[in-house]
């Protein structure tokens, strides 16, 4: 049976670059791959999947929270690749899980594990619950050499812990280790998040 993969990492960990490389390799071997992404991610264009490195590709399908995947449209595929998977609804993740069983198609999802408040996105949480394979895409903290595990949201050069869970934009975030997350949000920020110091 094919597997469901969740490859997660912080901002700037090259998740999308990895997805585009995997798509290229499948296609180079003459294999059929389909690229999916949540419709709400329109930072680079409605259907564009883009890496900060400059590489991009067009998504074959945009996913809404209530999307119903038609398995007959996915017959004969060798792989399904999903960008920004944290923005998927749990119901869509469940359907992707079933594709691995019913169609025997591997599904590789790339996305963030947690938001800027250190809380799991619903799509990421469901992937952590269902994935056969969970792999971390690593990057170092923007402020030191430690491994980054959190996404720090910045506004006017300062860390913030309030606002909507989803705010698209690369320049507003920094990948950080726990030490620098705590240092930047401060005691008041930790208390606002319900984290005891």
C-alpha atoms as a PDB file:
ATOM      1  CA  UNK A   1       0.000   0.000   0.000  1.00  0.00           C
ATOM      2  CA  UNK A   2       1.190   3.518  -0.795  1.00  0.00           C
ATOM      3  CA  UNK A   3       2.027   5.877   2.054  1.00  0.00           C
ATOM      4  CA  UNK A   4       0.972   9.304   3.262  1.00  0.00           C
ATOM      5  CA  UNK A   5       4.005  11.476   4.020  1.00  0.00           C
ATOM      6  CA  UNK A   6       4.124  14.706   5.998  1.00  0.00           C
ATOM      7  CA  UNK A   7       7.311  16.702   5.499  1.00  0.00           C
ATOM      8  CA  UNK A   8       7.167  19.675   7.826  1.00  0.00           C
ATOM      9  CA  UNK A   9       9.499  22.502   8.691  1.00  0.00           C
ATOM     10  CA  UNK A  10       9.544  26.145   9.705  1.00  0.00           C
ATOM     11  CA  UNK A  11       9.461  29.063   7.323  1.00  0.00           C
ATOM     12  CA  UNK A  12      12.574  29.226   5.108  1.00  0.00           C
ATOM     13  CA  UNK A  13      13.325  25.493   5.382  1.00  0.00           C
ATOM     14  CA  UNK A  14      12.993  24.917   1.607  1.00  0.00           C
ATOM     15  CA  UNK A  15       9.852  22.786   1.785  1.00  0.00           C
ATOM     16  CA  UNK A  16       8.481  24.074  -1.519  1.00  0.00           C
ATOM     17  CA  UNK A  17      11.887  23.769  -3.174  1.00  0.00           C
ATOM     18  CA  UNK A  18      11.932  20.129  -2.047  1.00  0.00           C
ATOM     19  CA  UNK A  19       8.420  19.580  -3.456  1.00  0.00           C
ATOM     20  CA  UNK A  20       9.402  21.076  -6.825  1.00  0.00           C
ATOM     21  CA  UNK A  21      12.542  18.911  -6.940  1.00  0.00           C
ATOM     22  CA  UNK A  22      10.515  15.772  -6.218  1.00  0.00           C
ATOM     23  CA  UNK A  23       8.026  16.726  -8.969  1.00  0.00           C
ATOM     24  CA  UNK A  24      10.907  17.304 -11.410  1.00  0.00           C
ATOM     25  CA  UNK A  25      12.471  13.931 -10.607  1.00  0.00           C
ATOM     26  CA  UNK A  26       9.191  12.049 -11.080  1.00  0.00           C
ATOM     27  CA  UNK A  27       8.565  13.766 -14.413  1.00  0.00           C
ATOM     28  CA  UNK A  28      12.139  13.221 -15.588  1.00  0.00           C
ATOM     29  CA  UNK A  29      11.529   9.497 -15.124  1.00  0.00           C
ATOM     30  CA  UNK A  30       8.368   9.711 -17.228  1.00  0.00           C
ATOM     31  CA  UNK A  31       6.073   9.349 -14.241  1.00  0.00           C
ATOM     32  CA  UNK A  32       2.795  11.190 -13.718  1.00  0.00           C
ATOM     33  CA  UNK A  33       2.568  13.514 -10.738  1.00  0.00           C
ATOM     34  CA  UNK A  34      -0.111  16.007  -9.749  1.00  0.00           C
ATOM     35  CA  UNK A  35       0.528  19.183  -7.736  1.00  0.00           C
ATOM     36  CA  UNK A  36      -2.103  20.411  -5.262  1.00  0.00           C
ATOM     37  CA  UNK A  37      -2.284  23.456  -3.027  1.00  0.00           C
ATOM     38  CA  UNK A  38      -4.883  25.223  -0.867  1.00  0.00           C
ATOM     39  CA  UNK A  39      -6.769  27.894  -2.823  1.00  0.00           C
ATOM     40  CA  UNK A  40      -6.254  30.465  -0.067  1.00  0.00           C
ATOM     41  CA  UNK A  41      -2.497  30.547  -0.743  1.00  0.00           C
ATOM     42  CA  UNK A  42      -2.440  33.123  -3.537  1.00  0.00           C
ATOM     43  CA  UNK A  43       0.805  34.905  -2.567  1.00  0.00           C
ATOM     44  CA  UNK A  44       2.481  34.162  -5.921  1.00  0.00           C
ATOM     45  CA  UNK A  45      -0.665  33.869  -8.030  1.00  0.00           C
ATOM     46  CA  UNK A  46      -3.793  31.787  -7.797  1.00  0.00           C
ATOM     47  CA  UNK A  47      -2.278  28.578  -9.197  1.00  0.00           C
ATOM     48  CA  UNK A  48       1.449  29.202  -8.687  1.00  0.00           C
ATOM     49  CA  UNK A  49       3.555  27.086  -6.361  1.00  0.00           C
ATOM     50  CA  UNK A  50       6.756  29.093  -5.852  1.00  0.00           C
ATOM     51  CA  UNK A  51       9.950  28.702  -3.886  1.00  0.00           C
ATOM     52  CA  UNK A  52      11.961  31.670  -2.645  1.00  0.00           C
ATOM     53  CA  UNK A  53      14.808  30.264  -4.770  1.00  0.00           C
ATOM     54  CA  UNK A  54      12.911  31.383  -7.866  1.00  0.00           C
ATOM     55  CA  UNK A  55      11.641  27.976  -8.993  1.00  0.00           C
ATOM     56  CA  UNK A  56       7.931  27.620  -9.575  1.00  0.00           C
ATOM     57  CA  UNK A  57       5.281  25.399 -11.098  1.00  0.00           C
ATOM     58  CA  UNK A  58       1.559  25.574 -11.678  1.00  0.00           C
ATOM     59  CA  UNK A  59      -0.765  23.689  -9.355  1.00  0.00           C
ATOM     60  CA  UNK A  60      -2.953  21.139 -11.115  1.00  0.00           C
ATOM     61  CA  UNK A  61      -5.699  21.549  -8.535  1.00  0.00           C
ATOM     62  CA  UNK A  62      -6.654  24.105  -5.899  1.00  0.00           C
ATOM     63  CA  UNK A  63      -8.142  22.741  -2.697  1.00  0.00           C
ATOM     64  CA  UNK A  64     -10.954  24.360  -0.720  1.00  0.00           C
ATOM     65  CA  UNK A  65     -11.855  23.231   2.819  1.00  0.00           C
ATOM     66  CA  UNK A  66     -14.884  21.395   1.375  1.00  0.00           C
ATOM     67  CA  UNK A  67     -13.186  19.959  -1.729  1.00  0.00           C
ATOM     68  CA  UNK A  68     -14.315  16.473  -2.643  1.00  0.00           C
ATOM     69  CA  UNK A  69     -11.544  14.671  -4.496  1.00  0.00           C
ATOM     70  CA  UNK A  70     -12.725  12.569  -7.410  1.00  0.00           C
ATOM     71  CA  UNK A  71     -10.613   9.384  -7.378  1.00  0.00           C
ATOM     72  CA  UNK A  72     -11.415   8.752 -11.046  1.00  0.00           C
ATOM     73  CA  UNK A  73      -9.475  11.914 -11.955  1.00  0.00           C
ATOM     74  CA  UNK A  74      -6.412  10.546 -10.186  1.00  0.00           C
ATOM     75  CA  UNK A  75      -6.218   7.111 -11.831  1.00  0.00           C
ATOM     76  CA  UNK A  76      -2.798   6.272 -13.221  1.00  0.00           C
ATOM     77  CA  UNK A  77      -0.857   8.784 -11.160  1.00  0.00           C
ATOM     78  CA  UNK A  78       2.491   7.898  -9.662  1.00  0.00           C
ATOM     79  CA  UNK A  79       2.419  10.528  -6.902  1.00  0.00           C
ATOM     80  CA  UNK A  80       0.380  13.384  -5.424  1.00  0.00           C
ATOM     81  CA  UNK A  81       2.344  16.347  -4.051  1.00  0.00           C
ATOM     82  CA  UNK A  82       0.700  18.931  -1.785  1.00  0.00           C
ATOM     83  CA  UNK A  83       2.177  22.329  -0.908  1.00  0.00           C
ATOM     84  CA  UNK A  84       1.187  24.408   2.158  1.00  0.00           C
ATOM     85  CA  UNK A  85      -0.589  21.384   3.631  1.00  0.00           C
ATOM     86  CA  UNK A  86      -1.084  23.091   7.010  1.00  0.00           C
ATOM     87  CA  UNK A  87      -3.921  25.068   5.369  1.00  0.00           C
ATOM     88  CA  UNK A  88      -5.865  21.927   4.387  1.00  0.00           C
ATOM     89  CA  UNK A  89      -9.014  21.045   6.249  1.00  0.00           C
ATOM     90  CA  UNK A  90      -8.916  17.786   8.221  1.00  0.00           C
ATOM     91  CA  UNK A  91     -11.592  16.446   5.834  1.00  0.00           C
ATOM     92  CA  UNK A  92      -9.306  16.968   2.822  1.00  0.00           C
ATOM     93  CA  UNK A  93      -6.422  15.304   4.691  1.00  0.00           C
ATOM     94  CA  UNK A  94      -8.709  12.328   5.345  1.00  0.00           C
ATOM     95  CA  UNK A  95      -9.407  12.075   1.606  1.00  0.00           C
ATOM     96  CA  UNK A  96      -5.696  12.193   0.786  1.00  0.00           C
ATOM     97  CA  UNK A  97      -5.158   9.392   3.314  1.00  0.00           C
ATOM     98  CA  UNK A  98      -7.805   7.305   1.526  1.00  0.00           C
ATOM     99  CA  UNK A  99      -6.121   7.884  -1.847  1.00  0.00           C
ATOM    100  CA  UNK A 100      -3.140   5.917  -0.608  1.00  0.00           C
ATOM    101  CA  UNK A 101      -5.418   2.960   0.086  1.00  0.00           C
ATOM    102  CA  UNK A 102      -8.038   3.085  -2.659  1.00  0.00           C
ATOM    103  CA  UNK A 103      -5.807   4.276  -5.530  1.00  0.00           C
ATOM    104  CA  UNK A 104      -2.463   3.037  -4.128  1.00  0.00           C
ATOM    105  CA  UNK A 105      -0.942   6.472  -4.839  1.00  0.00           C
ATOM    106  CA  UNK A 106       1.731   7.901  -2.542  1.00  0.00           C
ATOM    107  CA  UNK A 107       0.803  11.361  -1.225  1.00  0.00           C
ATOM    108  CA  UNK A 108       3.563  13.695  -0.043  1.00  0.00           C
ATOM    109  CA  UNK A 109       2.424  16.768   1.895  1.00  0.00           C
ATOM    110  CA  UNK A 110       4.694  19.700   2.721  1.00  0.00           C
ATOM    111  CA  UNK A 111       3.845  22.337   5.290  1.00  0.00           C
ATOM    112  CA  UNK A 112       4.267  24.015   8.623  1.00  0.00           C
ATOM    113  CA  UNK A 113       3.656  22.089  11.826  1.00  0.00           C
ATOM    114  CA  UNK A 114       2.722  25.068  14.005  1.00  0.00           C
ATOM    115  CA  UNK A 115       1.683  28.693  13.705  1.00  0.00           C
ATOM    116  CA  UNK A 116       3.373  31.763  15.217  1.00  0.00           C
ATOM    117  CA  UNK A 117       1.724  30.989  18.576  1.00  0.00           C
ATOM    118  CA  UNK A 118       3.275  27.482  18.643  1.00  0.00           C
ATOM    119  CA  UNK A 119      -0.152  25.889  18.028  1.00  0.00           C
ATOM    120  CA  UNK A 120      -0.778  23.223  15.404  1.00  0.00           C
ATOM    121  CA  UNK A 121      -2.648  24.148  12.261  1.00  0.00           C
ATOM    122  CA  UNK A 122      -5.713  21.885  11.803  1.00  0.00           C
ATOM    123  CA  UNK A 123      -4.333  20.381   8.584  1.00  0.00           C
ATOM    124  CA  UNK A 124      -0.929  19.753  10.151  1.00  0.00           C
ATOM    125  CA  UNK A 125      -2.494  18.202  13.226  1.00  0.00           C
ATOM    126  CA  UNK A 126      -4.487  15.775  11.101  1.00  0.00           C
ATOM    127  CA  UNK A 127      -1.390  14.905   9.074  1.00  0.00           C
ATOM    128  CA  UNK A 128       0.542  14.228  12.286  1.00  0.00           C
ATOM    129  CA  UNK A 129      -2.284  11.889  13.317  1.00  0.00           C
ATOM    130  CA  UNK A 130      -2.567  10.020   9.994  1.00  0.00           C
ATOM    131  CA  UNK A 131       0.789  10.070   8.189  1.00  0.00           C
ATOM    132  CA  UNK A 132       2.786   6.889   7.719  1.00  0.00           C
ATOM    133  CA  UNK A 133       5.967   8.913   7.591  1.00  0.00           C
ATOM    134  CA  UNK A 134       6.680  12.227   9.340  1.00  0.00           C
ATOM    135  CA  UNK A 135       9.896  13.937   8.303  1.00  0.00           C
ATOM    136  CA  UNK A 136      11.345  17.247   9.454  1.00  0.00           C
ATOM    137  CA  UNK A 137      12.840  19.599   6.874  1.00  0.00           C
ATOM    138  CA  UNK A 138      15.480  21.411   8.914  1.00  0.00           C
ATOM    139  CA  UNK A 139      16.816  24.954   8.937  1.00  0.00           C
ATOM    140  CA  UNK A 140      18.761  26.950  11.516  1.00  0.00           C
ATOM    141  CA  UNK A 141      17.430  29.728  13.705  1.00  0.00           C
ATOM    142  CA  UNK A 142      17.633  33.175  12.140  1.00  0.00           C
ATOM    143  CA  UNK A 143      19.455  34.436  15.246  1.00  0.00           C
ATOM    144  CA  UNK A 144      21.838  31.553  16.076  1.00  0.00           C
ATOM    145  CA  UNK A 145      23.046  28.170  14.823  1.00  0.00           C
ATOM    146  CA  UNK A 146      20.473  26.043  16.648  1.00  0.00           C
ATOM    147  CA  UNK A 147      17.765  24.150  14.803  1.00  0.00           C
ATOM    148  CA  UNK A 148      14.704  26.314  14.149  1.00  0.00           C
ATOM    149  CA  UNK A 149      11.450  24.744  15.334  1.00  0.00           C
ATOM    150  CA  UNK A 150       9.078  27.729  15.529  1.00  0.00           C
ATOM    151  CA  UNK A 151       7.802  30.525  13.297  1.00  0.00           C
ATOM    152  CA  UNK A 152       8.126  33.990  14.782  1.00  0.00           C
ATOM    153  CA  UNK A 153       5.700  36.571  13.394  1.00  0.00           C
ATOM    154  CA  UNK A 154       7.197  40.042  13.157  1.00  0.00           C
ATOM    155  CA  UNK A 155       5.504  43.445  12.852  1.00  0.00           C
ATOM    156  CA  UNK A 156       7.573  46.621  12.651  1.00  0.00           C
ATOM    157  CA  UNK A 157      10.646  44.661  13.714  1.00  0.00           C
ATOM    158  CA  UNK A 158       9.022  43.228  16.855  1.00  0.00           C
ATOM    159  CA  UNK A 159       7.674  39.768  17.623  1.00  0.00           C
ATOM    160  CA  UNK A 160       3.898  39.540  17.981  1.00  0.00           C
ATOM    161  CA  UNK A 161       1.615  36.871  19.422  1.00  0.00           C
ATOM    162  CA  UNK A 162      -1.758  38.342  18.489  1.00  0.00           C
ATOM    163  CA  UNK A 163      -3.661  38.376  15.211  1.00  0.00           C
ATOM    164  CA  UNK A 164      -5.242  35.853  12.886  1.00  0.00           C
ATOM    165  CA  UNK A 165      -3.695  32.391  12.680  1.00  0.00           C
ATOM    166  CA  UNK A 166      -3.236  32.753   8.927  1.00  0.00           C
ATOM    167  CA  UNK A 167      -1.463  35.839   7.590  1.00  0.00           C
ATOM    168  CA  UNK A 168       0.293  35.101   4.313  1.00  0.00           C
ATOM    169  CA  UNK A 169       3.634  36.758   3.685  1.00  0.00           C
ATOM    170  CA  UNK A 170       7.215  35.532   3.856  1.00  0.00           C
ATOM    171  CA  UNK A 171       8.890  38.689   5.106  1.00  0.00           C
ATOM    172  CA  UNK A 172       6.751  38.826   8.262  1.00  0.00           C
ATOM    173  CA  UNK A 173       8.126  35.585   9.706  1.00  0.00           C
ATOM    174  CA  UNK A 174      11.436  34.264  11.031  1.00  0.00           C
ATOM    175  CA  UNK A 175      12.444  30.654  11.751  1.00  0.00           C
ATOM    176  CA  UNK A 176      13.665  30.460  15.353  1.00  0.00           C
ATOM    177  CA  UNK A 177      14.787  28.061  18.081  1.00  0.00           C
ATOM    178  CA  UNK A 178      12.911  27.956  21.383  1.00  0.00           C
ATOM    179  CA  UNK A 179      15.480  30.179  23.134  1.00  0.00           C
ATOM    180  CA  UNK A 180      15.014  32.951  20.589  1.00  0.00           C
ATOM    181  CA  UNK A 181      11.248  32.477  20.450  1.00  0.00           C
ATOM    182  CA  UNK A 182      11.070  33.117  24.207  1.00  0.00           C
ATOM    183  CA  UNK A 183      13.593  35.943  23.993  1.00  0.00           C
ATOM    184  CA  UNK A 184      11.717  37.730  21.220  1.00  0.00           C
ATOM    185  CA  UNK A 185       8.110  37.350  22.452  1.00  0.00           C
ATOM    186  CA  UNK A 186       9.081  38.086  26.051  1.00  0.00           C
ATOM    187  CA  UNK A 187       7.335  37.229  29.304  1.00  0.00           C
ATOM    188  CA  UNK A 188       4.179  39.164  28.388  1.00  0.00           C
ATOM    189  CA  UNK A 189       3.973  37.276  25.089  1.00  0.00           C
ATOM    190  CA  UNK A 190       4.376  33.906  26.797  1.00  0.00           C
ATOM    191  CA  UNK A 191       1.656  34.782  29.299  1.00  0.00           C
ATOM    192  CA  UNK A 192      -0.660  35.851  26.466  1.00  0.00           C
ATOM    193  CA  UNK A 193      -0.099  32.404  24.943  1.00  0.00           C
ATOM    194  CA  UNK A 194      -0.841  30.702  28.252  1.00  0.00           C
ATOM    195  CA  UNK A 195       2.740  29.469  28.632  1.00  0.00           C
ATOM    196  CA  UNK A 196       4.145  29.564  32.145  1.00  0.00           C
ATOM    197  CA  UNK A 197       7.620  31.062  32.385  1.00  0.00           C
END
